[in-house]
Amino acid sequence: MAKPLLTDDLWERIKPLLPPVKRNPKGGRPRVPDRLALTGILFVARTGTAWELLPPELGCGSGMTCWRRLRDWQVAGVWQKVWKALLDELGLADKIDWTKAVVDSSSVRALFGGAQTGPNPTDRGKNGSKRHVISDGVGGLPLRC
């Protein structure tokens, strides 16, 4: 039997991090359950298939439904919460190998400025922002941004 994309254990950890469902008072179509939408999102992420080619046999709704849920959860900050929760869990289980950590940064020019910009030391003091990331050296899992 094939390994499921979304195990029961993983779903139980992610489920509380999802925003509550807002019901439409006028009714409408039944909403695709969050677990099925997440399964569709994971299928597209793992296989690289186009959203519109999501197989109906998966029962995840249409590719557009899954894409909209991905977008809505991004706006709601769900992915950041999931990443942090799972990373904390890995840290508590001592499953992060810090001996192989990789640190990198980049300076990006910001023509129009913004709240997170300042003088860029690599571009003659013009507005820019600098991003730092540390990831494990094995699989490239971002550990801190």
C-alpha atoms as a PDB file:
ATOM      1  CA  MET A   1       0.000   0.000   0.000  1.00  0.00           C
ATOM      2  CA  ALA A   2       1.263   3.479  -0.867  1.00  0.00           C
ATOM      3  CA  LYS A   3       2.336   5.817   1.921  1.00  0.00           C
ATOM      4  CA  PRO A   4      -0.327   8.528   2.470  1.00  0.00           C
ATOM      5  CA  LEU A   5       0.621  12.119   1.693  1.00  0.00           C
ATOM      6  CA  LEU A   6      -0.897  13.305   4.963  1.00  0.00           C
ATOM      7  CA  THR A   7      -0.703  10.905   7.889  1.00  0.00           C
ATOM      8  CA  ASP A   8      -3.228  11.022  10.732  1.00  0.00           C
ATOM      9  CA  ASP A   9      -0.464  12.037  13.136  1.00  0.00           C
ATOM     10  CA  LEU A  10       0.678  14.972  10.986  1.00  0.00           C
ATOM     11  CA  TRP A  11      -2.920  16.079  10.385  1.00  0.00           C
ATOM     12  CA  GLU A  12      -3.612  16.144  14.138  1.00  0.00           C
ATOM     13  CA  ARG A  13      -0.599  18.451  14.614  1.00  0.00           C
ATOM     14  CA  ILE A  14      -1.574  20.814  11.777  1.00  0.00           C
ATOM     15  CA  LYS A  15      -5.352  20.926  12.319  1.00  0.00           C
ATOM     16  CA  PRO A  16      -5.307  23.278  15.379  1.00  0.00           C
ATOM     17  CA  LEU A  17      -3.139  25.774  13.454  1.00  0.00           C
ATOM     18  CA  LEU A  18      -5.748  26.296  10.718  1.00  0.00           C
ATOM     19  CA  PRO A  19      -8.100  29.288  10.914  1.00  0.00           C
ATOM     20  CA  PRO A  20     -11.739  28.610  11.829  1.00  0.00           C
ATOM     21  CA  VAL A  21     -14.102  28.062   8.910  1.00  0.00           C
ATOM     22  CA  LYS A  22     -16.452  30.959   8.191  1.00  0.00           C
ATOM     23  CA  ARG A  23     -19.886  29.703   7.212  1.00  0.00           C
ATOM     24  CA  ASN A  24     -21.773  31.454   4.434  1.00  0.00           C
ATOM     25  CA  PRO A  25     -25.222  32.417   5.789  1.00  0.00           C
ATOM     26  CA  LYS A  26     -26.697  32.086   2.300  1.00  0.00           C
ATOM     27  CA  GLY A  27     -25.570  28.493   1.953  1.00  0.00           C
ATOM     28  CA  GLY A  28     -23.798  27.546  -1.241  1.00  0.00           C
ATOM     29  CA  ARG A  29     -21.687  24.589  -2.213  1.00  0.00           C
ATOM     30  CA  PRO A  30     -20.334  22.373   0.527  1.00  0.00           C
ATOM     31  CA  ARG A  31     -16.774  23.316   1.423  1.00  0.00           C
ATOM     32  CA  VAL A  32     -14.027  20.821   0.624  1.00  0.00           C
ATOM     33  CA  PRO A  33     -12.725  19.621   4.012  1.00  0.00           C
ATOM     34  CA  ASP A  34      -9.418  21.180   5.068  1.00  0.00           C
ATOM     35  CA  ARG A  35      -7.697  17.804   5.286  1.00  0.00           C
ATOM     36  CA  LEU A  36      -8.557  16.972   1.669  1.00  0.00           C
ATOM     37  CA  ALA A  37      -7.469  20.435   0.498  1.00  0.00           C
ATOM     38  CA  LEU A  38      -4.149  20.019   2.328  1.00  0.00           C
ATOM     39  CA  THR A  39      -3.699  16.597   0.724  1.00  0.00           C
ATOM     40  CA  GLY A  40      -4.188  18.226  -2.697  1.00  0.00           C
ATOM     41  CA  ILE A  41      -1.658  20.942  -1.839  1.00  0.00           C
ATOM     42  CA  LEU A  42       0.883  18.324  -0.731  1.00  0.00           C
ATOM     43  CA  PHE A  43       0.272  16.301  -3.903  1.00  0.00           C
ATOM     44  CA  VAL A  44       1.024  19.305  -6.112  1.00  0.00           C
ATOM     45  CA  ALA A  45       4.076  20.230  -3.999  1.00  0.00           C
ATOM     46  CA  ARG A  46       5.460  16.706  -4.106  1.00  0.00           C
ATOM     47  CA  THR A  47       4.764  15.873  -7.766  1.00  0.00           C
ATOM     48  CA  GLY A  48       5.171  19.305  -9.340  1.00  0.00           C
ATOM     49  CA  THR A  49       2.003  18.812 -11.363  1.00  0.00           C
ATOM     50  CA  ALA A  50      -0.003  21.840 -12.445  1.00  0.00           C
ATOM     51  CA  TRP A  51      -2.943  22.828 -10.238  1.00  0.00           C
ATOM     52  CA  GLU A  52      -5.427  22.300 -13.044  1.00  0.00           C
ATOM     53  CA  LEU A  53      -4.129  18.740 -13.551  1.00  0.00           C
ATOM     54  CA  LEU A  54      -4.822  17.634  -9.965  1.00  0.00           C
ATOM     55  CA  PRO A  55      -6.367  14.160 -10.374  1.00  0.00           C
ATOM     56  CA  PRO A  56     -10.059  14.079  -9.383  1.00  0.00           C
ATOM     57  CA  GLU A  57      -9.515  10.523  -8.091  1.00  0.00           C
ATOM     58  CA  LEU A  58      -7.746  12.004  -5.060  1.00  0.00           C
ATOM     59  CA  GLY A  59     -11.042  13.499  -3.893  1.00  0.00           C
ATOM     60  CA  CYS A  60      -9.372  16.793  -2.973  1.00  0.00           C
ATOM     61  CA  GLY A  61     -11.666  19.008  -5.004  1.00  0.00           C
ATOM     62  CA  SER A  62     -10.379  20.951  -7.968  1.00  0.00           C
ATOM     63  CA  GLY A  63      -6.869  22.287  -8.302  1.00  0.00           C
ATOM     64  CA  MET A  64      -8.280  25.811  -8.079  1.00  0.00           C
ATOM     65  CA  THR A  65      -9.951  24.966  -4.763  1.00  0.00           C
ATOM     66  CA  CYS A  66      -6.661  23.688  -3.354  1.00  0.00           C
ATOM     67  CA  TRP A  67      -4.774  26.692  -4.739  1.00  0.00           C
ATOM     68  CA  ARG A  68      -7.255  29.110  -3.135  1.00  0.00           C
ATOM     69  CA  ARG A  69      -6.927  27.328   0.196  1.00  0.00           C
ATOM     70  CA  LEU A  70      -3.121  27.547  -0.130  1.00  0.00           C
ATOM     71  CA  ARG A  71      -3.436  31.294  -0.778  1.00  0.00           C
ATOM     72  CA  ASP A  72      -5.889  31.864   2.081  1.00  0.00           C
ATOM     73  CA  TRP A  73      -3.732  29.945   4.524  1.00  0.00           C
ATOM     74  CA  GLN A  74      -0.667  31.908   3.393  1.00  0.00           C
ATOM     75  CA  VAL A  75      -2.458  35.197   4.102  1.00  0.00           C
ATOM     76  CA  ALA A  76      -3.586  33.850   7.503  1.00  0.00           C
ATOM     77  CA  GLY A  77       0.017  32.936   8.425  1.00  0.00           C
ATOM     78  CA  VAL A  78      -0.717  29.208   8.665  1.00  0.00           C
ATOM     79  CA  TRP A  79       2.466  28.061   6.922  1.00  0.00           C
ATOM     80  CA  GLN A  80       4.692  30.088   9.258  1.00  0.00           C
ATOM     81  CA  LYS A  81       2.884  28.542  12.252  1.00  0.00           C
ATOM     82  CA  VAL A  82       3.205  25.015  10.837  1.00  0.00           C
ATOM     83  CA  TRP A  83       6.903  25.513  10.086  1.00  0.00           C
ATOM     84  CA  LYS A  84       7.593  26.861  13.588  1.00  0.00           C
ATOM     85  CA  ALA A  85       5.570  24.139  15.355  1.00  0.00           C
ATOM     86  CA  LEU A  86       7.202  21.292  13.445  1.00  0.00           C
ATOM     87  CA  LEU A  87      10.653  22.843  13.842  1.00  0.00           C
ATOM     88  CA  ASP A  88      10.099  23.212  17.606  1.00  0.00           C
ATOM     89  CA  GLU A  89       9.056  19.576  17.732  1.00  0.00           C
ATOM     90  CA  LEU A  90      12.212  18.506  15.891  1.00  0.00           C
ATOM     91  CA  GLY A  91      14.319  20.603  18.247  1.00  0.00           C
ATOM     92  CA  LEU A  92      12.726  19.127  21.373  1.00  0.00           C
ATOM     93  CA  ALA A  93      13.292  15.622  19.984  1.00  0.00           C
ATOM     94  CA  ASP A  94      16.948  16.567  19.326  1.00  0.00           C
ATOM     95  CA  LYS A  95      16.564  15.726  15.641  1.00  0.00           C
ATOM     96  CA  ILE A  96      18.307  18.824  14.255  1.00  0.00           C
ATOM     97  CA  ASP A  97      21.984  18.283  13.488  1.00  0.00           C
ATOM     98  CA  TRP A  98      23.504  21.696  14.247  1.00  0.00           C
ATOM     99  CA  THR A  99      26.996  20.442  13.319  1.00  0.00           C
ATOM    100  CA  LYS A 100      26.008  20.664   9.669  1.00  0.00           C
ATOM    101  CA  ALA A 101      24.191  24.009   9.728  1.00  0.00           C
ATOM    102  CA  VAL A 102      24.666  26.423   6.831  1.00  0.00           C
ATOM    103  CA  VAL A 103      24.410  30.204   7.267  1.00  0.00           C
ATOM    104  CA  ASP A 104      23.840  32.550   4.346  1.00  0.00           C
ATOM    105  CA  SER A 105      22.587  36.051   3.674  1.00  0.00           C
ATOM    106  CA  SER A 106      21.774  38.293   0.779  1.00  0.00           C
ATOM    107  CA  SER A 107      21.521  42.044   0.294  1.00  0.00           C
ATOM    108  CA  VAL A 108      18.715  43.181  -1.963  1.00  0.00           C
ATOM    109  CA  ARG A 109      18.297  46.649  -3.435  1.00  0.00           C
ATOM    110  CA  ALA A 110      14.974  48.274  -2.534  1.00  0.00           C
ATOM    111  CA  LEU A 111      14.248  51.109  -4.942  1.00  0.00           C
ATOM    112  CA  PHE A 112      11.064  52.241  -3.224  1.00  0.00           C
ATOM    113  CA  GLY A 113      12.167  51.674   0.372  1.00  0.00           C
ATOM    114  CA  GLY A 114       9.788  50.380   2.999  1.00  0.00           C
ATOM    115  CA  ALA A 115       9.593  49.623   6.696  1.00  0.00           C
ATOM    116  CA  GLN A 116      12.311  46.958   6.634  1.00  0.00           C
ATOM    117  CA  THR A 117      14.885  48.807   4.527  1.00  0.00           C
ATOM    118  CA  GLY A 118      17.943  50.842   5.353  1.00  0.00           C
ATOM    119  CA  PRO A 119      21.346  51.794   3.973  1.00  0.00           C
ATOM    120  CA  ASN A 120      22.800  48.830   2.106  1.00  0.00           C
ATOM    121  CA  PRO A 121      26.550  48.474   2.825  1.00  0.00           C
ATOM    122  CA  THR A 122      27.141  46.575  -0.428  1.00  0.00           C
ATOM    123  CA  ASP A 123      25.464  49.179  -2.661  1.00  0.00           C
ATOM    124  CA  ARG A 124      27.016  52.536  -1.624  1.00  0.00           C
ATOM    125  CA  GLY A 125      24.451  53.138   1.108  1.00  0.00           C
ATOM    126  CA  LYS A 126      21.385  52.988  -1.145  1.00  0.00           C
ATOM    127  CA  ASN A 127      18.129  51.642   0.284  1.00  0.00           C
ATOM    128  CA  GLY A 128      18.041  47.890   0.614  1.00  0.00           C
ATOM    129  CA  SER A 129      17.350  45.009   2.917  1.00  0.00           C
ATOM    130  CA  LYS A 130      19.476  42.155   4.145  1.00  0.00           C
ATOM    131  CA  ARG A 131      18.080  38.686   4.798  1.00  0.00           C
ATOM    132  CA  HIS A 132      19.789  35.979   6.817  1.00  0.00           C
ATOM    133  CA  VAL A 133      18.905  32.294   6.875  1.00  0.00           C
ATOM    134  CA  ILE A 134      20.317  29.284   8.666  1.00  0.00           C
ATOM    135  CA  SER A 135      19.470  25.823   7.402  1.00  0.00           C
ATOM    136  CA  ASP A 136      20.552  22.312   8.160  1.00  0.00           C
ATOM    137  CA  GLY A 137      23.357  21.135   5.914  1.00  0.00           C
ATOM    138  CA  VAL A 138      21.651  17.850   5.094  1.00  0.00           C
ATOM    139  CA  GLY A 139      18.331  18.664   3.442  1.00  0.00           C
ATOM    140  CA  GLY A 140      18.281  22.457   3.353  1.00  0.00           C
ATOM    141  CA  LEU A 141      15.495  22.737   5.963  1.00  0.00           C
ATOM    142  CA  PRO A 142      15.281  26.425   6.965  1.00  0.00           C
ATOM    143  CA  LEU A 143      15.902  26.551  10.703  1.00  0.00           C
ATOM    144  CA  ARG A 144      15.813  30.319  11.231  1.00  0.00           C
ATOM    145  CA  CYS A 145      15.096  33.305   8.980  1.00  0.00           C
END
